[in-house]
Amino acid sequence: MDVTTCEINEQMTIRAIETSDAEMRDFLFSLGCYEGRTITLISILGSTYIVNISDARYSIDKQLAQAIKV
C-alpha cells in the first residue's frame, strides 16, 4: 500500500521507499521519509499530495507518493 491509496487525515507508518531512481530516494530522505517514521495525508489537490512528515507539511506529486510504502 502506498500514500495514494490512503484516506485523508489517516496517520500511517512508513514501511519502505520503493524506487529505482536514486535522486528521488535522496529527495524523499531529505524530507524525512524514513522507515518507521509517521506520515499523514492532509489533502489531495489534483495529482498533488499534501503530507505531514515530522511536524512539517510537504507538497509531493503522485510519483513520489507512490514510492512511499506504508
PDB file of N, CA and C in Angstrom:
ATOM      1  N   MET A   1       0.849  -1.170   0.000  1.00  0.00           N
ATOM      2  CA  MET A   1       0.000   0.000   0.000  1.00  0.00           C
ATOM      3  C   MET A   1       0.902   1.243   0.000  1.00  0.00           C
ATOM      4  N   ASP A   2       0.526   2.250  -0.763  1.00  0.00           N
ATOM      5  CA  ASP A   2       1.305   3.491  -0.785  1.00  0.00           C
ATOM      6  C   ASP A   2       0.426   4.666  -0.375  1.00  0.00           C
ATOM      7  N   VAL A   3       1.002   5.840  -0.322  1.00  0.00           N
ATOM      8  CA  VAL A   3       0.296   7.033   0.155  1.00  0.00           C
ATOM      9  C   VAL A   3      -0.922   7.356  -0.712  1.00  0.00           C
ATOM     10  N   THR A   4      -0.885   7.039  -1.997  1.00  0.00           N
ATOM     11  CA  THR A   4      -2.005   7.376  -2.886  1.00  0.00           C
ATOM     12  C   THR A   4      -3.270   6.585  -2.567  1.00  0.00           C
ATOM     13  N   THR A   5      -3.160   5.502  -1.830  1.00  0.00           N
ATOM     14  CA  THR A   5      -4.328   4.673  -1.516  1.00  0.00           C
ATOM     15  C   THR A   5      -4.886   4.943  -0.123  1.00  0.00           C
ATOM     16  N   CYS A   6      -4.323   5.909   0.592  1.00  0.00           N
ATOM     17  CA  CYS A   6      -4.737   6.197   1.966  1.00  0.00           C
ATOM     18  C   CYS A   6      -5.859   7.225   2.006  1.00  0.00           C
ATOM     19  N   GLU A   7      -6.529   7.276   3.138  1.00  0.00           N
ATOM     20  CA  GLU A   7      -7.606   8.235   3.366  1.00  0.00           C
ATOM     21  C   GLU A   7      -7.025   9.558   3.878  1.00  0.00           C
ATOM     22  N   ILE A   8      -7.757  10.646   3.651  1.00  0.00           N
ATOM     23  CA  ILE A   8      -7.369  11.958   4.160  1.00  0.00           C
ATOM     24  C   ILE A   8      -7.318  11.905   5.691  1.00  0.00           C
ATOM     25  N   ASN A   9      -6.325  12.542   6.275  1.00  0.00           N
ATOM     26  CA  ASN A   9      -6.084  12.600   7.723  1.00  0.00           C
ATOM     27  C   ASN A   9      -5.739  11.254   8.341  1.00  0.00           C
ATOM     28  N   GLU A  10      -5.416  10.272   7.525  1.00  0.00           N
ATOM     29  CA  GLU A  10      -5.003   8.972   8.039  1.00  0.00           C
ATOM     30  C   GLU A  10      -3.512   9.018   8.365  1.00  0.00           C
ATOM     31  N   GLN A  11      -3.182   8.618   9.580  1.00  0.00           N
ATOM     32  CA  GLN A  11      -1.790   8.584  10.017  1.00  0.00           C
ATOM     33  C   GLN A  11      -1.246   7.180   9.776  1.00  0.00           C
ATOM     34  N   MET A  12      -0.099   7.101   9.097  1.00  0.00           N
ATOM     35  CA  MET A  12       0.476   5.809   8.723  1.00  0.00           C
ATOM     36  C   MET A  12       1.954   5.778   9.077  1.00  0.00           C
ATOM     37  N   THR A  13       2.498   4.576   9.149  1.00  0.00           N
ATOM     38  CA  THR A  13       3.927   4.392   9.381  1.00  0.00           C
ATOM     39  C   THR A  13       4.587   4.037   8.054  1.00  0.00           C
ATOM     40  N   ILE A  14       5.672   4.718   7.739  1.00  0.00           N
ATOM     41  CA  ILE A  14       6.405   4.441   6.505  1.00  0.00           C
ATOM     42  C   ILE A  14       7.107   3.096   6.654  1.00  0.00           C
ATOM     43  N   ARG A  15       6.811   2.185   5.738  1.00  0.00           N
ATOM     44  CA  ARG A  15       7.407   0.845   5.772  1.00  0.00           C
ATOM     45  C   ARG A  15       8.646   0.759   4.862  1.00  0.00           C
ATOM     46  N   ALA A  16       8.612   1.499   3.745  1.00  0.00           N
ATOM     47  CA  ALA A  16       9.737   1.450   2.799  1.00  0.00           C
ATOM     48  C   ALA A  16       9.611   2.578   1.783  1.00  0.00           C
ATOM     49  N   ILE A  17      10.727   2.888   1.136  1.00  0.00           N
ATOM     50  CA  ILE A  17      10.750   3.783  -0.018  1.00  0.00           C
ATOM     51  C   ILE A  17      11.138   2.901  -1.194  1.00  0.00           C
ATOM     52  N   GLU A  18      10.212   2.715  -2.129  1.00  0.00           N
ATOM     53  CA  GLU A  18      10.460   1.819  -3.261  1.00  0.00           C
ATOM     54  C   GLU A  18      10.545   2.597  -4.564  1.00  0.00           C
ATOM     55  N   THR A  19      11.773   2.823  -5.008  1.00  0.00           N
ATOM     56  CA  THR A  19      12.024   3.463  -6.292  1.00  0.00           C
ATOM     57  C   THR A  19      13.426   3.076  -6.754  1.00  0.00           C
ATOM     58  N   SER A  20      13.589   2.958  -8.047  1.00  0.00           N
ATOM     59  CA  SER A  20      14.919   2.666  -8.591  1.00  0.00           C
ATOM     60  C   SER A  20      15.687   3.955  -8.879  1.00  0.00           C
ATOM     61  N   ASP A  21      15.013   5.099  -8.741  1.00  0.00           N
ATOM     62  CA  ASP A  21      15.612   6.404  -9.002  1.00  0.00           C
ATOM     63  C   ASP A  21      16.313   6.912  -7.736  1.00  0.00           C
ATOM     64  N   ALA A  22      17.627   6.910  -7.739  1.00  0.00           N
ATOM     65  CA  ALA A  22      18.405   7.324  -6.565  1.00  0.00           C
ATOM     66  C   ALA A  22      18.140   8.779  -6.195  1.00  0.00           C
ATOM     67  N   GLU A  23      17.952   9.631  -7.190  1.00  0.00           N
ATOM     68  CA  GLU A  23      17.685  11.048  -6.929  1.00  0.00           C
ATOM     69  C   GLU A  23      16.355  11.220  -6.195  1.00  0.00           C
ATOM     70  N   MET A  24      15.335  10.460  -6.614  1.00  0.00           N
ATOM     71  CA  MET A  24      14.031  10.521  -5.959  1.00  0.00           C
ATOM     72  C   MET A  24      14.145  10.025  -4.516  1.00  0.00           C
ATOM     73  N   ARG A  25      14.858   8.931  -4.313  1.00  0.00           N
ATOM     74  CA  ARG A  25      15.043   8.370  -2.974  1.00  0.00           C
ATOM     75  C   ARG A  25      15.762   9.383  -2.072  1.00  0.00           C
ATOM     76  N   ASP A  26      16.815  10.018  -2.589  1.00  0.00           N
ATOM     77  CA  ASP A  26      17.550  11.020  -1.817  1.00  0.00           C
ATOM     78  C   ASP A  26      16.663  12.210  -1.470  1.00  0.00           C
ATOM     79  N   PHE A  27      15.818  12.627  -2.409  1.00  0.00           N
ATOM     80  CA  PHE A  27      14.913  13.742  -2.150  1.00  0.00           C
ATOM     81  C   PHE A  27      13.932  13.389  -1.036  1.00  0.00           C
ATOM     82  N   LEU A  28      13.342  12.193  -1.104  1.00  0.00           N
ATOM     83  CA  LEU A  28      12.404  11.775  -0.061  1.00  0.00           C
ATOM     84  C   LEU A  28      13.101  11.683   1.296  1.00  0.00           C
ATOM     85  N   PHE A  29      14.327  11.187   1.322  1.00  0.00           N
ATOM     86  CA  PHE A  29      15.084  11.129   2.573  1.00  0.00           C
ATOM     87  C   PHE A  29      15.332  12.531   3.116  1.00  0.00           C
ATOM     88  N   SER A  30      15.566  13.507   2.228  1.00  0.00           N
ATOM     89  CA  SER A  30      15.796  14.883   2.675  1.00  0.00           C
ATOM     90  C   SER A  30      14.543  15.491   3.306  1.00  0.00           C
ATOM     91  N   LEU A  31      13.366  14.951   2.954  1.00  0.00           N
ATOM     92  CA  LEU A  31      12.111  15.403   3.566  1.00  0.00           C
ATOM     93  C   LEU A  31      11.841  14.708   4.897  1.00  0.00           C
ATOM     94  N   GLY A  32      12.625  13.698   5.199  1.00  0.00           N
ATOM     95  CA  GLY A  32      12.418  12.957   6.443  1.00  0.00           C
ATOM     96  C   GLY A  32      11.649  11.670   6.260  1.00  0.00           C
ATOM     97  N   CYS A  33      11.526  11.198   5.031  1.00  0.00           N
ATOM     98  CA  CYS A  33      10.829   9.933   4.743  1.00  0.00           C
ATOM     99  C   CYS A  33      11.774   8.771   5.001  1.00  0.00           C
ATOM    100  N   TYR A  34      11.689   8.217   6.182  1.00  0.00           N
ATOM    101  CA  TYR A  34      12.491   7.057   6.568  1.00  0.00           C
ATOM    102  C   TYR A  34      11.561   5.965   7.065  1.00  0.00           C
ATOM    103  N   GLU A  35      11.985   4.731   6.965  1.00  0.00           N
ATOM    104  CA  GLU A  35      11.221   3.619   7.520  1.00  0.00           C
ATOM    105  C   GLU A  35      10.999   3.861   9.006  1.00  0.00           C
ATOM    106  N   GLY A  36       9.768   3.615   9.446  1.00  0.00           N
ATOM    107  CA  GLY A  36       9.431   3.783  10.853  1.00  0.00           C
ATOM    108  C   GLY A  36       8.880   5.147  11.205  1.00  0.00           C
ATOM    109  N   ARG A  37       9.062   6.139  10.343  1.00  0.00           N
ATOM    110  CA  ARG A  37       8.528   7.479  10.587  1.00  0.00           C
ATOM    111  C   ARG A  37       7.032   7.506  10.304  1.00  0.00           C
ATOM    112  N   THR A  38       6.341   8.460  10.900  1.00  0.00           N
ATOM    113  CA  THR A  38       4.907   8.624  10.697  1.00  0.00           C
ATOM    114  C   THR A  38       4.660   9.648   9.599  1.00  0.00           C
ATOM    115  N   ILE A  39       3.692   9.355   8.727  1.00  0.00           N
ATOM    116  CA  ILE A  39       3.278  10.267   7.665  1.00  0.00           C
ATOM    117  C   ILE A  39       1.759  10.368   7.698  1.00  0.00           C
ATOM    118  N   THR A  40       1.239  11.576   7.487  1.00  0.00           N
ATOM    119  CA  THR A  40      -0.202  11.803   7.461  1.00  0.00           C
ATOM    120  C   THR A  40      -0.567  12.459   6.141  1.00  0.00           C
ATOM    121  N   LEU A  41      -1.564  11.921   5.463  1.00  0.00           N
ATOM    122  CA  LEU A  41      -2.062  12.530   4.231  1.00  0.00           C
ATOM    123  C   LEU A  41      -3.038  13.632   4.619  1.00  0.00           C
ATOM    124  N   ILE A  42      -2.702  14.876   4.308  1.00  0.00           N
ATOM    125  CA  ILE A  42      -3.517  16.033   4.682  1.00  0.00           C
ATOM    126  C   ILE A  42      -4.593  16.310   3.636  1.00  0.00           C
ATOM    127  N   SER A  43      -4.211  16.338   2.364  1.00  0.00           N
ATOM    128  CA  SER A  43      -5.185  16.584   1.296  1.00  0.00           C
ATOM    129  C   SER A  43      -4.607  16.173  -0.048  1.00  0.00           C
ATOM    130  N   ILE A  44      -5.514  16.108  -1.023  1.00  0.00           N
ATOM    131  CA  ILE A  44      -5.129  15.799  -2.400  1.00  0.00           C
ATOM    132  C   ILE A  44      -5.683  16.911  -3.276  1.00  0.00           C
ATOM    133  N   LEU A  45      -4.811  17.535  -4.059  1.00  0.00           N
ATOM    134  CA  LEU A  45      -5.204  18.609  -4.968  1.00  0.00           C
ATOM    135  C   LEU A  45      -4.776  18.204  -6.369  1.00  0.00           C
ATOM    136  N   GLY A  46      -5.686  17.594  -7.116  1.00  0.00           N
ATOM    137  CA  GLY A  46      -5.349  17.083  -8.439  1.00  0.00           C
ATOM    138  C   GLY A  46      -4.391  15.921  -8.306  1.00  0.00           C
ATOM    139  N   SER A  47      -3.198  16.057  -8.854  1.00  0.00           N
ATOM    140  CA  SER A  47      -2.194  14.994  -8.733  1.00  0.00           C
ATOM    141  C   SER A  47      -1.120  15.355  -7.706  1.00  0.00           C
ATOM    142  N   THR A  48      -1.436  16.315  -6.838  1.00  0.00           N
ATOM    143  CA  THR A  48      -0.521  16.751  -5.791  1.00  0.00           C
ATOM    144  C   THR A  48      -1.039  16.286  -4.438  1.00  0.00           C
ATOM    145  N   TYR A  49      -0.148  15.722  -3.646  1.00  0.00           N
ATOM    146  CA  TYR A  49      -0.498  15.198  -2.330  1.00  0.00           C
ATOM    147  C   TYR A  49       0.180  16.054  -1.261  1.00  0.00           C
ATOM    148  N   ILE A  50      -0.611  16.544  -0.312  1.00  0.00           N
ATOM    149  CA  ILE A  50      -0.078  17.315   0.799  1.00  0.00           C
ATOM    150  C   ILE A  50       0.066  16.344   1.967  1.00  0.00           C
ATOM    151  N   VAL A  51       1.291  16.197   2.454  1.00  0.00           N
ATOM    152  CA  VAL A  51       1.558  15.247   3.530  1.00  0.00           C
ATOM    153  C   VAL A  51       2.258  15.947   4.690  1.00  0.00           C
ATOM    154  N   ASN A  52       2.104  15.374   5.861  1.00  0.00           N
ATOM    155  CA  ASN A  52       2.778  15.858   7.054  1.00  0.00           C
ATOM    156  C   ASN A  52       3.778  14.789   7.471  1.00  0.00           C
ATOM    157  N   ILE A  53       5.040  15.177   7.536  1.00  0.00           N
ATOM    158  CA  ILE A  53       6.113  14.282   7.965  1.00  0.00           C
ATOM    159  C   ILE A  53       6.914  15.020   9.031  1.00  0.00           C
ATOM    160  N   SER A  54       6.992  14.465  10.218  1.00  0.00           N
ATOM    161  CA  SER A  54       7.799  15.056  11.303  1.00  0.00           C
ATOM    162  C   SER A  54       7.433  16.519  11.555  1.00  0.00           C
ATOM    163  N   ASP A  55       6.152  16.801  11.718  1.00  0.00           N
ATOM    164  CA  ASP A  55       5.651  18.145  12.024  1.00  0.00           C
ATOM    165  C   ASP A  55       5.933  19.177  10.937  1.00  0.00           C
ATOM    166  N   ALA A  56       6.113  18.739   9.705  1.00  0.00           N
ATOM    167  CA  ALA A  56       6.294  19.648   8.571  1.00  0.00           C
ATOM    168  C   ALA A  56       5.391  19.181   7.432  1.00  0.00           C
ATOM    169  N   ARG A  57       4.820  20.141   6.708  1.00  0.00           N
ATOM    170  CA  ARG A  57       3.955  19.807   5.576  1.00  0.00           C
ATOM    171  C   ARG A  57       4.720  19.954   4.273  1.00  0.00           C
ATOM    172  N   TYR A  58       4.480  18.986   3.389  1.00  0.00           N
ATOM    173  CA  TYR A  58       5.132  18.991   2.082  1.00  0.00           C
ATOM    174  C   TYR A  58       4.105  18.712   1.003  1.00  0.00           C
ATOM    175  N   SER A  59       4.350  19.261  -0.160  1.00  0.00           N
ATOM    176  CA  SER A  59       3.550  19.000  -1.349  1.00  0.00           C
ATOM    177  C   SER A  59       4.385  18.105  -2.258  1.00  0.00           C
ATOM    178  N   ILE A  60       3.861  16.902  -2.540  1.00  0.00           N
ATOM    179  CA  ILE A  60       4.597  15.967  -3.392  1.00  0.00           C
ATOM    180  C   ILE A  60       3.698  15.519  -4.535  1.00  0.00           C
ATOM    181  N   ASP A  61       4.301  15.133  -5.651  1.00  0.00           N
ATOM    182  CA  ASP A  61       3.496  14.673  -6.781  1.00  0.00           C
ATOM    183  C   ASP A  61       3.138  13.197  -6.605  1.00  0.00           C
ATOM    184  N   LYS A  62       2.295  12.710  -7.496  1.00  0.00           N
ATOM    185  CA  LYS A  62       1.790  11.345  -7.393  1.00  0.00           C
ATOM    186  C   LYS A  62       2.909  10.314  -7.469  1.00  0.00           C
ATOM    187  N   GLN A  63       3.910  10.556  -8.313  1.00  0.00           N
ATOM    188  CA  GLN A  63       5.020   9.610  -8.462  1.00  0.00           C
ATOM    189  C   GLN A  63       5.780   9.449  -7.142  1.00  0.00           C
ATOM    190  N   LEU A  64       6.024  10.553  -6.446  1.00  0.00           N
ATOM    191  CA  LEU A  64       6.691  10.482  -5.148  1.00  0.00           C
ATOM    192  C   LEU A  64       5.803   9.778  -4.126  1.00  0.00           C
ATOM    193  N   ALA A  65       4.504  10.101  -4.141  1.00  0.00           N
ATOM    194  CA  ALA A  65       3.569   9.483  -3.196  1.00  0.00           C
ATOM    195  C   ALA A  65       3.498   7.973  -3.394  1.00  0.00           C
ATOM    196  N   GLN A  66       3.593   7.525  -4.639  1.00  0.00           N
ATOM    197  CA  GLN A  66       3.542   6.089  -4.919  1.00  0.00           C
ATOM    198  C   GLN A  66       4.806   5.371  -4.456  1.00  0.00           C
ATOM    199  N   ALA A  67       5.899   6.079  -4.310  1.00  0.00           N
ATOM    200  CA  ALA A  67       7.153   5.466  -3.865  1.00  0.00           C
ATOM    201  C   ALA A  67       7.190   5.251  -2.355  1.00  0.00           C
ATOM    202  N   ILE A  68       6.301   5.938  -1.623  1.00  0.00           N
ATOM    203  CA  ILE A  68       6.277   5.821  -0.159  1.00  0.00           C
ATOM    204  C   ILE A  68       5.311   4.711   0.223  1.00  0.00           C
ATOM    205  N   LYS A  69       5.860   3.587   0.653  1.00  0.00           N
ATOM    206  CA  LYS A  69       5.042   2.432   1.044  1.00  0.00           C
ATOM    207  C   LYS A  69       4.734   2.512   2.529  1.00  0.00           C
ATOM    208  N   VAL A  70       3.466   2.318   2.853  1.00  0.00           N
ATOM    209  CA  VAL A  70       3.010   2.416   4.249  1.00  0.00           C
ATOM    210  C   VAL A  70       2.357   1.126   4.688  1.00  0.00           C
TER     211      VAL A  70
END
